[in-house]
Amino acid sequence: MFKHILVPTDGSPLSQDAVIRAVAFAREAGARLSFCHVEPPMPTSFGSLAGITSATIEQEFHAKVDGRAQDILQAAEQVAAEAGVPCARVLLVRSKPHEAIIEAATTQGCDLIFMASHGRRGVTALLLGSETQKVLTHSKIPVLVYR
């Protein structure tokens, strides 16, 4: 039924569990995976000191963020490789992760988004919302939420 599944991952324990479940799901379905990680852009306040932009600060920020993202994606790829499931990686820098996830699913030609629910509750959920909820609300591609 599903042939290409996008799996957003942020490296959190629940997201890592979702990666494991998505790999098992893809293996049973005979599908391939694209693991997606979305990083925020560098905050503008980090890029300037007293109004002077520092290329060094920007380079260090991007190196650290990219290194962390690559580690997260490599860990997901390892799980897929051990299960014999073909996969690819997608790394995006966007201020709105839900938009990046939907964009990645569309551009990669995915027919399912398989993602974790981080289960924010109370005031935090009310104020911040949930990226999973935003993907569910805006995606035209089916979304399977692992909890």
C-alpha atoms as a PDB file:
ATOM      1  CA  MET A   1       0.000   0.000   0.000  1.00  0.00           C
ATOM      2  CA  PHE A   2       2.662   2.564   1.020  1.00  0.00           C
ATOM      3  CA  LYS A   3       5.861   2.656  -1.016  1.00  0.00           C
ATOM      4  CA  HIS A   4       7.779   5.678   0.290  1.00  0.00           C
ATOM      5  CA  ILE A   5       7.505   6.885   3.881  1.00  0.00           C
ATOM      6  CA  LEU A   6       8.856  10.111   5.363  1.00  0.00           C
ATOM      7  CA  VAL A   7       9.976   9.781   8.979  1.00  0.00           C
ATOM      8  CA  PRO A   8      10.719  13.097  10.716  1.00  0.00           C
ATOM      9  CA  THR A   9      13.121  12.676  13.626  1.00  0.00           C
ATOM     10  CA  ASP A  10      14.516  15.079  16.186  1.00  0.00           C
ATOM     11  CA  GLY A  11      16.619  12.576  18.120  1.00  0.00           C
ATOM     12  CA  SER A  12      14.373  12.537  21.197  1.00  0.00           C
ATOM     13  CA  PRO A  13      13.627   9.157  22.822  1.00  0.00           C
ATOM     14  CA  LEU A  14      10.047   9.104  21.498  1.00  0.00           C
ATOM     15  CA  SER A  15      11.269  10.051  18.033  1.00  0.00           C
ATOM     16  CA  GLN A  16      13.884   7.275  18.170  1.00  0.00           C
ATOM     17  CA  ASP A  17      11.138   4.802  19.098  1.00  0.00           C
ATOM     18  CA  ALA A  18       9.108   6.057  16.125  1.00  0.00           C
ATOM     19  CA  VAL A  19      12.113   5.439  13.855  1.00  0.00           C
ATOM     20  CA  ILE A  20      12.283   1.816  15.053  1.00  0.00           C
ATOM     21  CA  ARG A  21       8.540   1.337  14.491  1.00  0.00           C
ATOM     22  CA  ALA A  22       8.654   3.047  11.098  1.00  0.00           C
ATOM     23  CA  VAL A  23      11.479   0.768   9.973  1.00  0.00           C
ATOM     24  CA  ALA A  24       9.486  -2.306  11.027  1.00  0.00           C
ATOM     25  CA  PHE A  25       6.391  -0.926   9.283  1.00  0.00           C
ATOM     26  CA  ALA A  26       8.347  -0.187   6.090  1.00  0.00           C
ATOM     27  CA  ARG A  27       9.949  -3.621   6.131  1.00  0.00           C
ATOM     28  CA  GLU A  28       6.543  -5.323   6.335  1.00  0.00           C
ATOM     29  CA  ALA A  29       5.100  -3.051   3.640  1.00  0.00           C
ATOM     30  CA  GLY A  30       8.115  -3.364   1.342  1.00  0.00           C
ATOM     31  CA  ALA A  31       8.491   0.425   1.424  1.00  0.00           C
ATOM     32  CA  ARG A  32      11.514   2.671   1.436  1.00  0.00           C
ATOM     33  CA  LEU A  33      12.117   5.465   3.940  1.00  0.00           C
ATOM     34  CA  SER A  34      13.306   9.040   3.920  1.00  0.00           C
ATOM     35  CA  PHE A  35      14.433  10.243   7.330  1.00  0.00           C
ATOM     36  CA  CYS A  36      13.920  13.975   7.778  1.00  0.00           C
ATOM     37  CA  HIS A  37      15.473  16.288  10.329  1.00  0.00           C
ATOM     38  CA  VAL A  38      14.547  19.964  10.549  1.00  0.00           C
ATOM     39  CA  GLU A  39      16.851  22.433  12.233  1.00  0.00           C
ATOM     40  CA  PRO A  40      15.974  26.041  13.020  1.00  0.00           C
ATOM     41  CA  PRO A  41      17.879  28.837  11.302  1.00  0.00           C
ATOM     42  CA  MET A  42      20.474  30.687  13.324  1.00  0.00           C
ATOM     43  CA  PRO A  43      18.795  33.234  15.605  1.00  0.00           C
ATOM     44  CA  THR A  44      19.633  36.741  14.439  1.00  0.00           C
ATOM     45  CA  SER A  45      20.778  37.712  17.940  1.00  0.00           C
ATOM     46  CA  PHE A  46      23.578  35.095  17.703  1.00  0.00           C
ATOM     47  CA  GLY A  47      24.863  36.526  14.458  1.00  0.00           C
ATOM     48  CA  SER A  48      25.674  39.985  15.699  1.00  0.00           C
ATOM     49  CA  LEU A  49      27.554  41.517  18.551  1.00  0.00           C
ATOM     50  CA  ALA A  50      26.761  45.188  19.050  1.00  0.00           C
ATOM     51  CA  GLY A  51      25.479  45.309  15.473  1.00  0.00           C
ATOM     52  CA  ILE A  52      28.555  43.670  13.954  1.00  0.00           C
ATOM     53  CA  THR A  53      27.943  40.350  12.194  1.00  0.00           C
ATOM     54  CA  SER A  54      30.422  37.662  13.083  1.00  0.00           C
ATOM     55  CA  ALA A  55      31.101  35.059  10.402  1.00  0.00           C
ATOM     56  CA  THR A  56      32.881  32.921  12.988  1.00  0.00           C
ATOM     57  CA  ILE A  57      29.819  32.726  15.232  1.00  0.00           C
ATOM     58  CA  GLU A  58      27.656  31.815  12.239  1.00  0.00           C
ATOM     59  CA  GLN A  59      30.098  29.129  11.053  1.00  0.00           C
ATOM     60  CA  GLU A  60      30.329  27.618  14.545  1.00  0.00           C
ATOM     61  CA  PHE A  61      26.548  27.603  14.907  1.00  0.00           C
ATOM     62  CA  HIS A  62      26.041  25.864  11.559  1.00  0.00           C
ATOM     63  CA  ALA A  63      28.825  23.351  12.233  1.00  0.00           C
ATOM     64  CA  LYS A  64      27.338  22.376  15.593  1.00  0.00           C
ATOM     65  CA  VAL A  65      23.758  22.185  14.301  1.00  0.00           C
ATOM     66  CA  ASP A  66      24.765  20.252  11.183  1.00  0.00           C
ATOM     67  CA  GLY A  67      26.886  17.830  13.219  1.00  0.00           C
ATOM     68  CA  ARG A  68      24.003  17.084  15.580  1.00  0.00           C
ATOM     69  CA  ALA A  69      21.573  16.666  12.680  1.00  0.00           C
ATOM     70  CA  GLN A  70      23.918  14.304  10.838  1.00  0.00           C
ATOM     71  CA  ASP A  71      24.319  12.198  14.013  1.00  0.00           C
ATOM     72  CA  ILE A  72      20.522  11.921  14.370  1.00  0.00           C
ATOM     73  CA  LEU A  73      20.061  10.958  10.716  1.00  0.00           C
ATOM     74  CA  GLN A  74      22.970   8.495  10.827  1.00  0.00           C
ATOM     75  CA  ALA A  75      21.420   6.735  13.828  1.00  0.00           C
ATOM     76  CA  ALA A  76      18.117   6.395  11.941  1.00  0.00           C
ATOM     77  CA  GLU A  77      19.894   5.087   8.842  1.00  0.00           C
ATOM     78  CA  GLN A  78      21.686   2.512  10.977  1.00  0.00           C
ATOM     79  CA  VAL A  79      18.355   1.117  12.206  1.00  0.00           C
ATOM     80  CA  ALA A  80      17.076   0.890   8.630  1.00  0.00           C
ATOM     81  CA  ALA A  81      20.294  -0.708   7.366  1.00  0.00           C
ATOM     82  CA  GLU A  82      20.170  -3.386  10.070  1.00  0.00           C
ATOM     83  CA  ALA A  83      16.614  -4.234   8.957  1.00  0.00           C
ATOM     84  CA  GLY A  84      17.499  -4.166   5.268  1.00  0.00           C
ATOM     85  CA  VAL A  85      15.174  -1.246   4.527  1.00  0.00           C
ATOM     86  CA  PRO A  86      16.370   1.225   1.868  1.00  0.00           C
ATOM     87  CA  CYS A  87      16.486   4.799   3.067  1.00  0.00           C
ATOM     88  CA  ALA A  88      17.638   8.320   2.341  1.00  0.00           C
ATOM     89  CA  ARG A  89      18.134  11.400   4.460  1.00  0.00           C
ATOM     90  CA  VAL A  90      16.700  14.894   4.210  1.00  0.00           C
ATOM     91  CA  LEU A  91      18.088  17.781   6.242  1.00  0.00           C
ATOM     92  CA  LEU A  92      16.248  21.086   6.126  1.00  0.00           C
ATOM     93  CA  VAL A  93      16.764  24.402   7.903  1.00  0.00           C
ATOM     94  CA  ARG A  94      13.441  26.111   8.464  1.00  0.00           C
ATOM     95  CA  SER A  95      11.778  28.192  11.161  1.00  0.00           C
ATOM     96  CA  LYS A  96       8.522  26.207  10.882  1.00  0.00           C
ATOM     97  CA  PRO A  97       9.242  22.473  11.169  1.00  0.00           C
ATOM     98  CA  HIS A  98       5.732  21.364  10.183  1.00  0.00           C
ATOM     99  CA  GLU A  99       6.014  23.196   6.866  1.00  0.00           C
ATOM    100  CA  ALA A 100       9.433  21.651   6.239  1.00  0.00           C
ATOM    101  CA  ILE A 101       8.106  18.155   6.995  1.00  0.00           C
ATOM    102  CA  ILE A 102       5.231  18.554   4.547  1.00  0.00           C
ATOM    103  CA  GLU A 103       7.585  20.062   1.954  1.00  0.00           C
ATOM    104  CA  ALA A 104      10.008  17.150   2.346  1.00  0.00           C
ATOM    105  CA  ALA A 105       7.238  14.581   1.996  1.00  0.00           C
ATOM    106  CA  THR A 106       5.986  16.289  -1.151  1.00  0.00           C
ATOM    107  CA  THR A 107       9.375  16.808  -2.822  1.00  0.00           C
ATOM    108  CA  GLN A 108      10.525  13.275  -1.962  1.00  0.00           C
ATOM    109  CA  GLY A 109       7.327  11.788  -3.408  1.00  0.00           C
ATOM    110  CA  CYS A 110       6.289  10.168  -0.133  1.00  0.00           C
ATOM    111  CA  ASP A 111       2.858   8.627   0.244  1.00  0.00           C
ATOM    112  CA  LEU A 112       2.907   8.538   4.073  1.00  0.00           C
ATOM    113  CA  ILE A 113       4.365  10.590   6.917  1.00  0.00           C
ATOM    114  CA  PHE A 114       5.169   8.436   9.961  1.00  0.00           C
ATOM    115  CA  MET A 115       5.918  10.580  12.993  1.00  0.00           C
ATOM    116  CA  ALA A 116       6.003  10.595  16.761  1.00  0.00           C
ATOM    117  CA  SER A 117       3.582  12.481  18.944  1.00  0.00           C
ATOM    118  CA  HIS A 118       5.531  14.322  21.594  1.00  0.00           C
ATOM    119  CA  GLY A 119       2.456  14.648  23.751  1.00  0.00           C
ATOM    120  CA  ARG A 120       2.808  18.186  25.046  1.00  0.00           C
ATOM    121  CA  ARG A 121       0.120  18.820  27.601  1.00  0.00           C
ATOM    122  CA  GLY A 122      -1.471  21.696  29.415  1.00  0.00           C
ATOM    123  CA  VAL A 123      -0.286  25.262  28.904  1.00  0.00           C
ATOM    124  CA  THR A 124       2.780  24.194  26.898  1.00  0.00           C
ATOM    125  CA  ALA A 125       0.587  22.478  24.301  1.00  0.00           C
ATOM    126  CA  LEU A 126      -1.768  25.436  24.229  1.00  0.00           C
ATOM    127  CA  LEU A 127       0.987  28.020  23.745  1.00  0.00           C
ATOM    128  CA  LEU A 128       3.463  26.125  21.585  1.00  0.00           C
ATOM    129  CA  GLY A 129       1.179  23.706  19.835  1.00  0.00           C
ATOM    130  CA  SER A 130       2.441  20.462  18.454  1.00  0.00           C
ATOM    131  CA  GLU A 131       4.385  20.026  15.237  1.00  0.00           C
ATOM    132  CA  THR A 132       2.581  16.711  14.820  1.00  0.00           C
ATOM    133  CA  GLN A 133      -0.787  18.445  15.162  1.00  0.00           C
ATOM    134  CA  LYS A 134       0.268  21.076  12.638  1.00  0.00           C
ATOM    135  CA  VAL A 135       1.363  18.400  10.160  1.00  0.00           C
ATOM    136  CA  LEU A 136      -1.952  16.577  10.669  1.00  0.00           C
ATOM    137  CA  THR A 137      -3.848  19.801  10.062  1.00  0.00           C
ATOM    138  CA  HIS A 138      -1.999  20.936   6.936  1.00  0.00           C
ATOM    139  CA  SER A 139      -0.790  17.779   5.175  1.00  0.00           C
ATOM    140  CA  LYS A 140      -2.571  16.369   2.143  1.00  0.00           C
ATOM    141  CA  ILE A 141      -0.419  13.242   2.543  1.00  0.00           C
ATOM    142  CA  PRO A 142      -1.659  10.654   5.080  1.00  0.00           C
ATOM    143  CA  VAL A 143       0.002  10.896   8.502  1.00  0.00           C
ATOM    144  CA  LEU A 144       0.503   7.954  10.858  1.00  0.00           C
ATOM    145  CA  VAL A 145       1.196   9.139  14.423  1.00  0.00           C
ATOM    146  CA  TYR A 146       3.186   6.843  16.691  1.00  0.00           C
ATOM    147  CA  ARG A 147       2.558   7.351  20.397  1.00  0.00           C
END
